[in-house]
Every structure is written in structure tokens, then in C-alpha cells.
Amino acid sequence: MERILTVTNSQKITKHKKTALYVLLIYILMQISSRWLLLPFHKLVMKITGLASEQAAPITQGWYIALSFAIALILSLILTSRDKAFWNIYQGKKETIPLTIVWGIFGFFLVFFGQMIGAAIEMAVFGIEGGSQNTADIVAIAQGAPVAILAIVVFGPILEEFVFRRVIFGSLVQTTNFWVAAIVSAIFFAIIHFDFSHILLYTICGLIFAFLYHKTKRIWTSIIAHVMLNGFVTLVQFYAEPLQKFLQELEKMQ
């Protein structure tokens, strides 16, 4: 009987590892797919819209980001749905749904203040000014093709939580400890954003997202915080100029 249980558990662990590997491969393929597919897609957009190359470029990028993230997320959801115990990496009772939502909202503020501390350190120690070029570039694409907002605010955060919190952090935390798993996953999370001047900010975000997942034992906690953060940043970027003008008008009135 013990031998049967051991074999069964071993099969489940192997299945989890395969699922995690496949999700990771899907994410990697999505990230590098533009090397082969973006140019043909750009030509297709030009043909459909009748626009010149420069005019079609933001539309191409926006739609490509949205579609590639959506496809990668759908494939990941299909894979994980077939492995019912994939998310059960923790022993013990998971946090309740209401408290999971509360922790997710609280997590947004944790990440927000964590970024403020990180920005202050970057400025004081390294002389790096605030503002992420990576974020600015993505939002600029979204302004040309608003459909990209879905990838920035919804598809991207969910997929990244699958990859960096469940696949990387979740796999490591089962064989090491929280800090090792959190630091390694946070560093990879920071690197993949290709904004190395602000790698500290992204690492802090990754650490806090890992803490939220670890604390509640539910991936939805870090997803909620991540979605709220990206939504807030996108909103601020979109309305930066009107907000600045409004503040200037207030100063003149005083």
C-alpha cells in the first residue's frame, strides 16, 4: 500500500514539473516570437488598414502584444486546468476568498510604497531618476492601439504571476525556503522587463508579490496586486499631461 502511494505521489510530482516546464516554455516562446512573427504581422496590418509603415507600427505592436499575451495565457490556463493539484504547493489551509481579496488590495499599496522606497534608494545611491523607459514605451504603444491595455493590465500580470510566482517561486520554495525562492524569482522577474536601470524596483515588486502568494497560499492575491499596480501606472501615464496642466493651473490660482 505504501509503495502504491509513493508511486502515485511521484507521478503527481512529475506531472506538476511538466506542467510548470510547459508554462515556462510558452512564456519564453511568446517573448521571442516577435523576432519571426512581428514583421509578417506588420505587413498584414498595413494591407488591412492601408496605412504606411510608420503609421501602422503602433497598431501592429499593440495588437501583437495583446494577441501574443492572450494566446500564451489561454494555453497556460488549459495546461494548468488539466493538472488539478498544480496550485497545491502549500500544506495547510488556504486563506479565505474575502481575505485573499483584502490582501491583494493591501498588496497593491505595499508594492506602491516599496517602489517609492526603491526609487529613493536608486536616486540617493546611484543617481538614477524616476520613471521607467520600459513602461513609457509600452504605454506609448497602448496610446496608438488601446487594445494593448488588455495585455498591460490583465493578460500580462496574470501570466507573469503564473510564471514567476507559481512556476519559479513555487517550484523553488518546495525544495529551499521562502527567501531563496523569493529572491531568485524576483531577480528573474526584474530581468525580463529589460529595464536594468530600475532593476531594484522590479526586484522589490517581485519580492512583495512572492510574499503575498506565500502569505495567503493563493496566486490570486499577487494577481490582484499586480493588476492594480499595472492599472494604476497605466492610468497615470495616460493622463500625465492633463494632470500636470491641472496642477499648474492650481498653482497659478494660488
C-alpha atoms as a PDB file:
ATOM      1  CA  MET A   1       0.000   0.000   0.000  1.00  0.00           C
ATOM      2  CA  GLU A   2       2.826   2.392   0.917  1.00  0.00           C
ATOM      3  CA  ARG A   3       4.579   1.549  -2.364  1.00  0.00           C
ATOM      4  CA  ILE A   4       1.408   2.369  -4.337  1.00  0.00           C
ATOM      5  CA  LEU A   5       1.085   5.724  -2.540  1.00  0.00           C
ATOM      6  CA  THR A   6       4.748   6.514  -3.176  1.00  0.00           C
ATOM      7  CA  VAL A   7       4.407   5.772  -6.894  1.00  0.00           C
ATOM      8  CA  THR A   8       1.225   7.857  -7.104  1.00  0.00           C
ATOM      9  CA  ASN A   9       2.842  10.842  -5.356  1.00  0.00           C
ATOM     10  CA  SER A  10       5.892  10.527  -7.591  1.00  0.00           C
ATOM     11  CA  GLN A  11       3.663  10.581 -10.679  1.00  0.00           C
ATOM     12  CA  LYS A  12       1.871  13.709  -9.394  1.00  0.00           C
ATOM     13  CA  ILE A  13       5.176  15.496  -8.742  1.00  0.00           C
ATOM     14  CA  THR A  14       6.405  14.585 -12.233  1.00  0.00           C
ATOM     15  CA  LYS A  15       3.158  15.895 -13.737  1.00  0.00           C
ATOM     16  CA  HIS A  16       3.499  19.188 -11.796  1.00  0.00           C
ATOM     17  CA  LYS A  17       7.070  19.595 -13.038  1.00  0.00           C
ATOM     18  CA  LYS A  18       5.998  19.003 -16.638  1.00  0.00           C
ATOM     19  CA  THR A  19       3.143  21.495 -16.334  1.00  0.00           C
ATOM     20  CA  ALA A  20       5.488  24.090 -14.838  1.00  0.00           C
ATOM     21  CA  LEU A  21       8.029  23.486 -17.605  1.00  0.00           C
ATOM     22  CA  TYR A  22       5.410  23.801 -20.347  1.00  0.00           C
ATOM     23  CA  VAL A  23       4.054  27.069 -18.897  1.00  0.00           C
ATOM     24  CA  LEU A  24       7.593  28.438 -18.736  1.00  0.00           C
ATOM     25  CA  LEU A  25       8.297  27.380 -22.335  1.00  0.00           C
ATOM     26  CA  ILE A  26       5.076  29.026 -23.527  1.00  0.00           C
ATOM     27  CA  TYR A  27       6.125  32.276 -21.856  1.00  0.00           C
ATOM     28  CA  ILE A  28       9.624  32.151 -23.360  1.00  0.00           C
ATOM     29  CA  LEU A  29       8.263  31.417 -26.836  1.00  0.00           C
ATOM     30  CA  MET A  30       5.837  34.312 -26.501  1.00  0.00           C
ATOM     31  CA  GLN A  31       8.689  36.656 -25.556  1.00  0.00           C
ATOM     32  CA  ILE A  32      10.871  35.706 -28.528  1.00  0.00           C
ATOM     33  CA  SER A  33       8.097  35.113 -31.087  1.00  0.00           C
ATOM     34  CA  SER A  34       8.204  38.705 -32.317  1.00  0.00           C
ATOM     35  CA  ARG A  35      11.575  38.004 -33.947  1.00  0.00           C
ATOM     36  CA  TRP A  36       9.829  35.820 -36.517  1.00  0.00           C
ATOM     37  CA  LEU A  37       6.206  36.906 -36.482  1.00  0.00           C
ATOM     38  CA  LEU A  38       6.149  40.670 -35.926  1.00  0.00           C
ATOM     39  CA  LEU A  39       7.286  41.641 -39.435  1.00  0.00           C
ATOM     40  CA  PRO A  40       4.748  39.425 -41.272  1.00  0.00           C
ATOM     41  CA  PHE A  41       2.072  40.666 -38.885  1.00  0.00           C
ATOM     42  CA  HIS A  42       3.100  44.260 -39.600  1.00  0.00           C
ATOM     43  CA  LYS A  43       2.711  43.682 -43.337  1.00  0.00           C
ATOM     44  CA  LEU A  44      -0.725  42.177 -42.725  1.00  0.00           C
ATOM     45  CA  VAL A  45      -1.799  45.216 -40.681  1.00  0.00           C
ATOM     46  CA  MET A  46      -0.565  47.563 -43.431  1.00  0.00           C
ATOM     47  CA  LYS A  47      -2.532  45.581 -46.007  1.00  0.00           C
ATOM     48  CA  ILE A  48      -5.735  45.586 -43.933  1.00  0.00           C
ATOM     49  CA  THR A  49      -5.587  49.236 -42.848  1.00  0.00           C
ATOM     50  CA  GLY A  50      -3.952  50.708 -45.935  1.00  0.00           C
ATOM     51  CA  LEU A  51      -1.632  52.734 -43.702  1.00  0.00           C
ATOM     52  CA  ALA A  52       2.038  53.498 -44.291  1.00  0.00           C
ATOM     53  CA  SER A  53       4.653  51.569 -42.325  1.00  0.00           C
ATOM     54  CA  GLU A  54       5.243  54.259 -39.664  1.00  0.00           C
ATOM     55  CA  GLN A  55       1.523  54.836 -39.124  1.00  0.00           C
ATOM     56  CA  ALA A  56       0.825  51.114 -38.858  1.00  0.00           C
ATOM     57  CA  ALA A  57       3.732  50.435 -36.471  1.00  0.00           C
ATOM     58  CA  PRO A  58       1.984  51.288 -33.152  1.00  0.00           C
ATOM     59  CA  ILE A  59      -1.152  49.420 -34.257  1.00  0.00           C
ATOM     60  CA  THR A  60       0.959  46.383 -35.142  1.00  0.00           C
ATOM     61  CA  GLN A  61       2.828  46.437 -31.833  1.00  0.00           C
ATOM     62  CA  GLY A  62      -0.300  46.989 -29.771  1.00  0.00           C
ATOM     63  CA  TRP A  63      -2.269  44.189 -31.374  1.00  0.00           C
ATOM     64  CA  TYR A  64       0.716  41.844 -31.360  1.00  0.00           C
ATOM     65  CA  ILE A  65       1.280  42.381 -27.633  1.00  0.00           C
ATOM     66  CA  ALA A  66      -2.404  41.826 -26.896  1.00  0.00           C
ATOM     67  CA  LEU A  67      -2.745  38.709 -29.054  1.00  0.00           C
ATOM     68  CA  SER A  68       0.537  37.081 -28.008  1.00  0.00           C
ATOM     69  CA  PHE A  69      -0.174  37.534 -24.296  1.00  0.00           C
ATOM     70  CA  ALA A  70      -3.763  36.364 -24.736  1.00  0.00           C
ATOM     71  CA  ILE A  71      -2.723  33.206 -26.584  1.00  0.00           C
ATOM     72  CA  ALA A  72       0.041  32.430 -24.073  1.00  0.00           C
ATOM     73  CA  LEU A  73      -2.378  32.916 -21.172  1.00  0.00           C
ATOM     74  CA  ILE A  74      -5.074  30.735 -22.745  1.00  0.00           C
ATOM     75  CA  LEU A  75      -2.582  27.929 -23.386  1.00  0.00           C
ATOM     76  CA  SER A  76      -1.291  28.207 -19.816  1.00  0.00           C
ATOM     77  CA  LEU A  77      -4.826  28.068 -18.424  1.00  0.00           C
ATOM     78  CA  ILE A  78      -5.571  24.946 -20.485  1.00  0.00           C
ATOM     79  CA  LEU A  79      -2.407  23.250 -19.211  1.00  0.00           C
ATOM     80  CA  THR A  80      -2.963  24.130 -15.564  1.00  0.00           C
ATOM     81  CA  SER A  81      -6.647  23.168 -15.706  1.00  0.00           C
ATOM     82  CA  ARG A  82      -5.614  19.630 -16.639  1.00  0.00           C
ATOM     83  CA  ASP A  83      -3.365  19.416 -13.579  1.00  0.00           C
ATOM     84  CA  LYS A  84      -5.842  19.931 -10.742  1.00  0.00           C
ATOM     85  CA  ALA A  85      -3.223  19.861  -7.973  1.00  0.00           C
ATOM     86  CA  PHE A  86      -0.793  22.184  -9.757  1.00  0.00           C
ATOM     87  CA  TRP A  87      -1.579  25.067  -7.405  1.00  0.00           C
ATOM     88  CA  ASN A  88      -1.419  22.976  -4.229  1.00  0.00           C
ATOM     89  CA  ILE A  89       2.220  23.615  -3.395  1.00  0.00           C
ATOM     90  CA  TYR A  90       1.500  24.521   0.229  1.00  0.00           C
ATOM     91  CA  GLN A  91       0.282  22.313   3.026  1.00  0.00           C
ATOM     92  CA  GLY A  92      -2.405  23.641   5.311  1.00  0.00           C
ATOM     93  CA  LYS A  93      -5.475  25.748   4.774  1.00  0.00           C
ATOM     94  CA  LYS A  94      -5.512  28.494   2.166  1.00  0.00           C
ATOM     95  CA  GLU A  95      -6.700  31.997   3.013  1.00  0.00           C
ATOM     96  CA  THR A  96     -10.411  32.643   2.544  1.00  0.00           C
ATOM     97  CA  ILE A  97     -11.588  34.355  -0.641  1.00  0.00           C
ATOM     98  CA  PRO A  98     -12.608  37.635   1.101  1.00  0.00           C
ATOM     99  CA  LEU A  99      -9.247  37.889   2.900  1.00  0.00           C
ATOM    100  CA  THR A 100      -7.448  36.965  -0.319  1.00  0.00           C
ATOM    101  CA  ILE A 101      -9.063  39.995  -1.973  1.00  0.00           C
ATOM    102  CA  VAL A 102      -8.213  42.200   1.022  1.00  0.00           C
ATOM    103  CA  TRP A 103      -4.587  41.035   0.964  1.00  0.00           C
ATOM    104  CA  GLY A 104      -4.470  41.639  -2.789  1.00  0.00           C
ATOM    105  CA  ILE A 105      -5.649  45.237  -2.374  1.00  0.00           C
ATOM    106  CA  PHE A 106      -3.311  45.765   0.574  1.00  0.00           C
ATOM    107  CA  GLY A 107      -0.547  44.237  -1.530  1.00  0.00           C
ATOM    108  CA  PHE A 108      -1.017  46.943  -4.151  1.00  0.00           C
ATOM    109  CA  PHE A 109      -0.213  49.585  -1.545  1.00  0.00           C
ATOM    110  CA  LEU A 110       2.728  47.518  -0.290  1.00  0.00           C
ATOM    111  CA  VAL A 111       4.171  47.369  -3.804  1.00  0.00           C
ATOM    112  CA  PHE A 112       3.464  51.063  -4.377  1.00  0.00           C
ATOM    113  CA  PHE A 113       5.320  52.123  -1.213  1.00  0.00           C
ATOM    114  CA  GLY A 114       8.018  49.542  -1.900  1.00  0.00           C
ATOM    115  CA  GLN A 115       8.618  51.196  -5.251  1.00  0.00           C
ATOM    116  CA  MET A 116       8.810  54.611  -3.576  1.00  0.00           C
ATOM    117  CA  ILE A 117      11.497  53.310  -1.211  1.00  0.00           C
ATOM    118  CA  GLY A 118      13.335  51.655  -4.107  1.00  0.00           C
ATOM    119  CA  ALA A 119      13.195  54.868  -6.170  1.00  0.00           C
ATOM    120  CA  ALA A 120      14.591  56.851  -3.232  1.00  0.00           C
ATOM    121  CA  ILE A 121      17.474  54.370  -2.882  1.00  0.00           C
ATOM    122  CA  GLU A 122      18.197  54.464  -6.614  1.00  0.00           C
ATOM    123  CA  MET A 123      18.278  58.256  -6.564  1.00  0.00           C
ATOM    124  CA  ALA A 124      20.362  58.582  -3.380  1.00  0.00           C
ATOM    125  CA  VAL A 125      22.870  55.807  -4.079  1.00  0.00           C
ATOM    126  CA  PHE A 126      23.078  55.571  -7.871  1.00  0.00           C
ATOM    127  CA  GLY A 127      21.717  58.929  -9.009  1.00  0.00           C
ATOM    128  CA  ILE A 128      19.033  57.234 -11.111  1.00  0.00           C
ATOM    129  CA  GLU A 129      15.997  59.419 -11.715  1.00  0.00           C
ATOM    130  CA  GLY A 130      12.454  58.091 -11.512  1.00  0.00           C
ATOM    131  CA  GLY A 131      10.427  56.938 -14.477  1.00  0.00           C
ATOM    132  CA  SER A 132      10.685  53.664 -16.341  1.00  0.00           C
ATOM    133  CA  GLN A 133      11.512  53.804 -20.046  1.00  0.00           C
ATOM    134  CA  ASN A 134      10.098  50.304 -20.458  1.00  0.00           C
ATOM    135  CA  THR A 135       6.763  51.401 -19.005  1.00  0.00           C
ATOM    136  CA  ALA A 136       6.744  54.606 -21.066  1.00  0.00           C
ATOM    137  CA  ASP A 137       7.388  52.658 -24.282  1.00  0.00           C
ATOM    138  CA  ILE A 138       4.604  50.165 -23.590  1.00  0.00           C
ATOM    139  CA  VAL A 139       2.113  52.889 -22.694  1.00  0.00           C
ATOM    140  CA  ALA A 140       3.074  54.773 -25.870  1.00  0.00           C
ATOM    141  CA  ILE A 141       2.177  51.650 -27.846  1.00  0.00           C
ATOM    142  CA  ALA A 142      -1.120  51.418 -25.954  1.00  0.00           C
ATOM    143  CA  GLN A 143      -1.921  55.018 -26.877  1.00  0.00           C
ATOM    144  CA  GLY A 144      -1.574  54.055 -30.541  1.00  0.00           C
ATOM    145  CA  ALA A 145      -3.501  50.800 -30.100  1.00  0.00           C
ATOM    146  CA  PRO A 146      -5.662  50.805 -26.934  1.00  0.00           C
ATOM    147  CA  VAL A 147      -6.201  47.030 -27.211  1.00  0.00           C
ATOM    148  CA  ALA A 148      -2.680  46.686 -25.746  1.00  0.00           C
ATOM    149  CA  ILE A 149      -4.104  47.886 -22.411  1.00  0.00           C
ATOM    150  CA  LEU A 150      -5.647  44.430 -22.005  1.00  0.00           C
ATOM    151  CA  ALA A 151      -2.171  42.902 -22.149  1.00  0.00           C
ATOM    152  CA  ILE A 152      -0.642  45.526 -19.860  1.00  0.00           C
ATOM    153  CA  VAL A 153      -3.325  45.462 -17.172  1.00  0.00           C
ATOM    154  CA  VAL A 154      -4.883  41.978 -17.391  1.00  0.00           C
ATOM    155  CA  PHE A 155      -3.173  39.324 -19.544  1.00  0.00           C
ATOM    156  CA  GLY A 156       0.399  40.295 -18.658  1.00  0.00           C
ATOM    157  CA  PRO A 157       0.075  40.388 -14.852  1.00  0.00           C
ATOM    158  CA  ILE A 158      -1.835  37.088 -14.731  1.00  0.00           C
ATOM    159  CA  LEU A 159       0.653  35.320 -16.996  1.00  0.00           C
ATOM    160  CA  GLU A 160       3.640  36.749 -15.124  1.00  0.00           C
ATOM    161  CA  GLU A 161       2.212  35.576 -11.812  1.00  0.00           C
ATOM    162  CA  PHE A 162       1.786  32.099 -13.287  1.00  0.00           C
ATOM    163  CA  VAL A 163       5.408  32.071 -14.452  1.00  0.00           C
ATOM    164  CA  PHE A 164       7.343  33.940 -11.778  1.00  0.00           C
ATOM    165  CA  ARG A 165       5.296  33.162  -8.679  1.00  0.00           C
ATOM    166  CA  ARG A 166       3.945  29.660  -9.345  1.00  0.00           C
ATOM    167  CA  VAL A 167       6.467  28.159 -11.752  1.00  0.00           C
ATOM    168  CA  ILE A 168       9.745  29.682 -10.497  1.00  0.00           C
ATOM    169  CA  PHE A 169       8.978  30.708  -6.915  1.00  0.00           C
ATOM    170  CA  GLY A 170       6.540  27.837  -6.355  1.00  0.00           C
ATOM    171  CA  SER A 171       8.991  25.222  -7.613  1.00  0.00           C
ATOM    172  CA  LEU A 172      11.918  26.582  -5.577  1.00  0.00           C
ATOM    173  CA  VAL A 173      10.020  27.141  -2.324  1.00  0.00           C
ATOM    174  CA  GLN A 174       9.189  23.438  -2.159  1.00  0.00           C
ATOM    175  CA  THR A 175      12.866  22.462  -2.074  1.00  0.00           C
ATOM    176  CA  THR A 176      14.564  25.513  -0.487  1.00  0.00           C
ATOM    177  CA  ASN A 177      12.931  28.238   1.621  1.00  0.00           C
ATOM    178  CA  PHE A 178      10.927  31.414   1.143  1.00  0.00           C
ATOM    179  CA  TRP A 179      13.855  33.816   0.866  1.00  0.00           C
ATOM    180  CA  VAL A 180      15.849  31.811  -1.650  1.00  0.00           C
ATOM    181  CA  ALA A 181      12.765  31.215  -3.801  1.00  0.00           C
ATOM    182  CA  ALA A 182      11.560  34.822  -3.493  1.00  0.00           C
ATOM    183  CA  ILE A 183      14.926  36.408  -4.322  1.00  0.00           C
ATOM    184  CA  VAL A 184      15.635  34.138  -7.311  1.00  0.00           C
ATOM    185  CA  SER A 185      12.134  34.591  -8.779  1.00  0.00           C
ATOM    186  CA  ALA A 186      12.212  38.355  -8.127  1.00  0.00           C
ATOM    187  CA  ILE A 187      15.548  38.747  -9.920  1.00  0.00           C
ATOM    188  CA  PHE A 188      14.268  36.847 -12.959  1.00  0.00           C
ATOM    189  CA  PHE A 189      11.104  38.961 -12.827  1.00  0.00           C
ATOM    190  CA  ALA A 190      13.243  42.117 -12.855  1.00  0.00           C
ATOM    191  CA  ILE A 191      15.497  40.934 -15.684  1.00  0.00           C
ATOM    192  CA  ILE A 192      12.634  40.018 -18.023  1.00  0.00           C
ATOM    193  CA  HIS A 193      11.420  43.644 -18.018  1.00  0.00           C
ATOM    194  CA  PHE A 194      14.681  44.737 -19.706  1.00  0.00           C
ATOM    195  CA  ASP A 195      14.861  47.971 -17.721  1.00  0.00           C
ATOM    196  CA  PHE A 196      18.171  47.420 -15.944  1.00  0.00           C
ATOM    197  CA  SER A 197      18.490  50.939 -14.567  1.00  0.00           C
ATOM    198  CA  HIS A 198      15.434  50.182 -12.416  1.00  0.00           C
ATOM    199  CA  ILE A 199      16.179  46.549 -11.660  1.00  0.00           C
ATOM    200  CA  LEU A 200      15.910  47.292  -7.927  1.00  0.00           C
ATOM    201  CA  LEU A 201      12.308  48.497  -8.336  1.00  0.00           C
ATOM    202  CA  TYR A 202      11.246  45.383 -10.218  1.00  0.00           C
ATOM    203  CA  THR A 203      13.053  43.143  -7.725  1.00  0.00           C
ATOM    204  CA  ILE A 204      11.198  44.784  -4.841  1.00  0.00           C
ATOM    205  CA  CYS A 205       7.912  44.223  -6.681  1.00  0.00           C
ATOM    206  CA  GLY A 206       8.797  40.566  -7.232  1.00  0.00           C
ATOM    207  CA  LEU A 207       9.636  40.071  -3.552  1.00  0.00           C
ATOM    208  CA  ILE A 208       6.346  41.584  -2.413  1.00  0.00           C
ATOM    209  CA  PHE A 209       4.311  39.570  -4.933  1.00  0.00           C
ATOM    210  CA  ALA A 210       6.048  36.406  -3.679  1.00  0.00           C
ATOM    211  CA  PHE A 211       5.245  37.374  -0.081  1.00  0.00           C
ATOM    212  CA  LEU A 212       1.552  37.854  -0.939  1.00  0.00           C
ATOM    213  CA  TYR A 213       1.376  34.440  -2.608  1.00  0.00           C
ATOM    214  CA  HIS A 214       3.241  32.798   0.271  1.00  0.00           C
ATOM    215  CA  LYS A 215       1.142  34.527   2.922  1.00  0.00           C
ATOM    216  CA  THR A 216      -2.269  33.515   1.561  1.00  0.00           C
ATOM    217  CA  LYS A 217      -1.274  30.380  -0.377  1.00  0.00           C
ATOM    218  CA  ARG A 218      -3.394  31.716  -3.254  1.00  0.00           C
ATOM    219  CA  ILE A 219      -1.979  33.005  -6.538  1.00  0.00           C
ATOM    220  CA  TRP A 220      -4.959  35.338  -6.885  1.00  0.00           C
ATOM    221  CA  THR A 221      -3.558  37.542  -4.123  1.00  0.00           C
ATOM    222  CA  SER A 222      -0.470  38.518  -6.084  1.00  0.00           C
ATOM    223  CA  ILE A 223      -2.514  38.691  -9.300  1.00  0.00           C
ATOM    224  CA  ILE A 224      -4.882  41.258  -7.759  1.00  0.00           C
ATOM    225  CA  ALA A 225      -1.973  43.395  -6.518  1.00  0.00           C
ATOM    226  CA  HIS A 226      -0.162  43.102  -9.858  1.00  0.00           C
ATOM    227  CA  VAL A 227      -3.243  44.002 -11.917  1.00  0.00           C
ATOM    228  CA  MET A 228      -3.966  47.004  -9.691  1.00  0.00           C
ATOM    229  CA  LEU A 229      -0.368  48.206  -9.923  1.00  0.00           C
ATOM    230  CA  ASN A 230      -0.244  47.969 -13.723  1.00  0.00           C
ATOM    231  CA  GLY A 231      -3.663  49.572 -13.986  1.00  0.00           C
ATOM    232  CA  PHE A 232      -2.636  52.467 -11.760  1.00  0.00           C
ATOM    233  CA  VAL A 233       0.655  53.051 -13.612  1.00  0.00           C
ATOM    234  CA  THR A 234      -1.116  52.919 -16.989  1.00  0.00           C
ATOM    235  CA  LEU A 235      -3.768  55.382 -15.824  1.00  0.00           C
ATOM    236  CA  VAL A 236      -1.145  57.813 -14.522  1.00  0.00           C
ATOM    237  CA  GLN A 237       0.889  57.548 -17.727  1.00  0.00           C
ATOM    238  CA  PHE A 238      -2.172  58.102 -19.921  1.00  0.00           C
ATOM    239  CA  TYR A 239      -3.259  61.216 -18.044  1.00  0.00           C
ATOM    240  CA  ALA A 240       0.173  62.564 -17.073  1.00  0.00           C
ATOM    241  CA  GLU A 241      -0.048  65.671 -19.278  1.00  0.00           C
ATOM    242  CA  PRO A 242      -3.635  66.697 -18.349  1.00  0.00           C
ATOM    243  CA  LEU A 243      -2.798  66.117 -14.681  1.00  0.00           C
ATOM    244  CA  GLN A 244       0.341  68.215 -14.932  1.00  0.00           C
ATOM    245  CA  LYS A 245      -1.580  71.047 -16.619  1.00  0.00           C
ATOM    246  CA  PHE A 246      -4.268  70.846 -13.931  1.00  0.00           C
ATOM    247  CA  LEU A 247      -1.658  71.141 -11.164  1.00  0.00           C
ATOM    248  CA  GLN A 248      -0.037  74.085 -12.933  1.00  0.00           C
ATOM    249  CA  GLU A 249      -3.402  75.836 -13.150  1.00  0.00           C
ATOM    250  CA  LEU A 250      -3.927  75.276  -9.434  1.00  0.00           C
ATOM    251  CA  GLU A 251      -0.543  76.844  -8.697  1.00  0.00           C
ATOM    252  CA  LYS A 252      -1.446  79.910 -10.770  1.00  0.00           C
ATOM    253  CA  MET A 253      -4.721  80.326  -8.882  1.00  0.00           C
ATOM    254  CA  GLN A 254      -2.969  80.376  -5.504  1.00  0.00           C
END
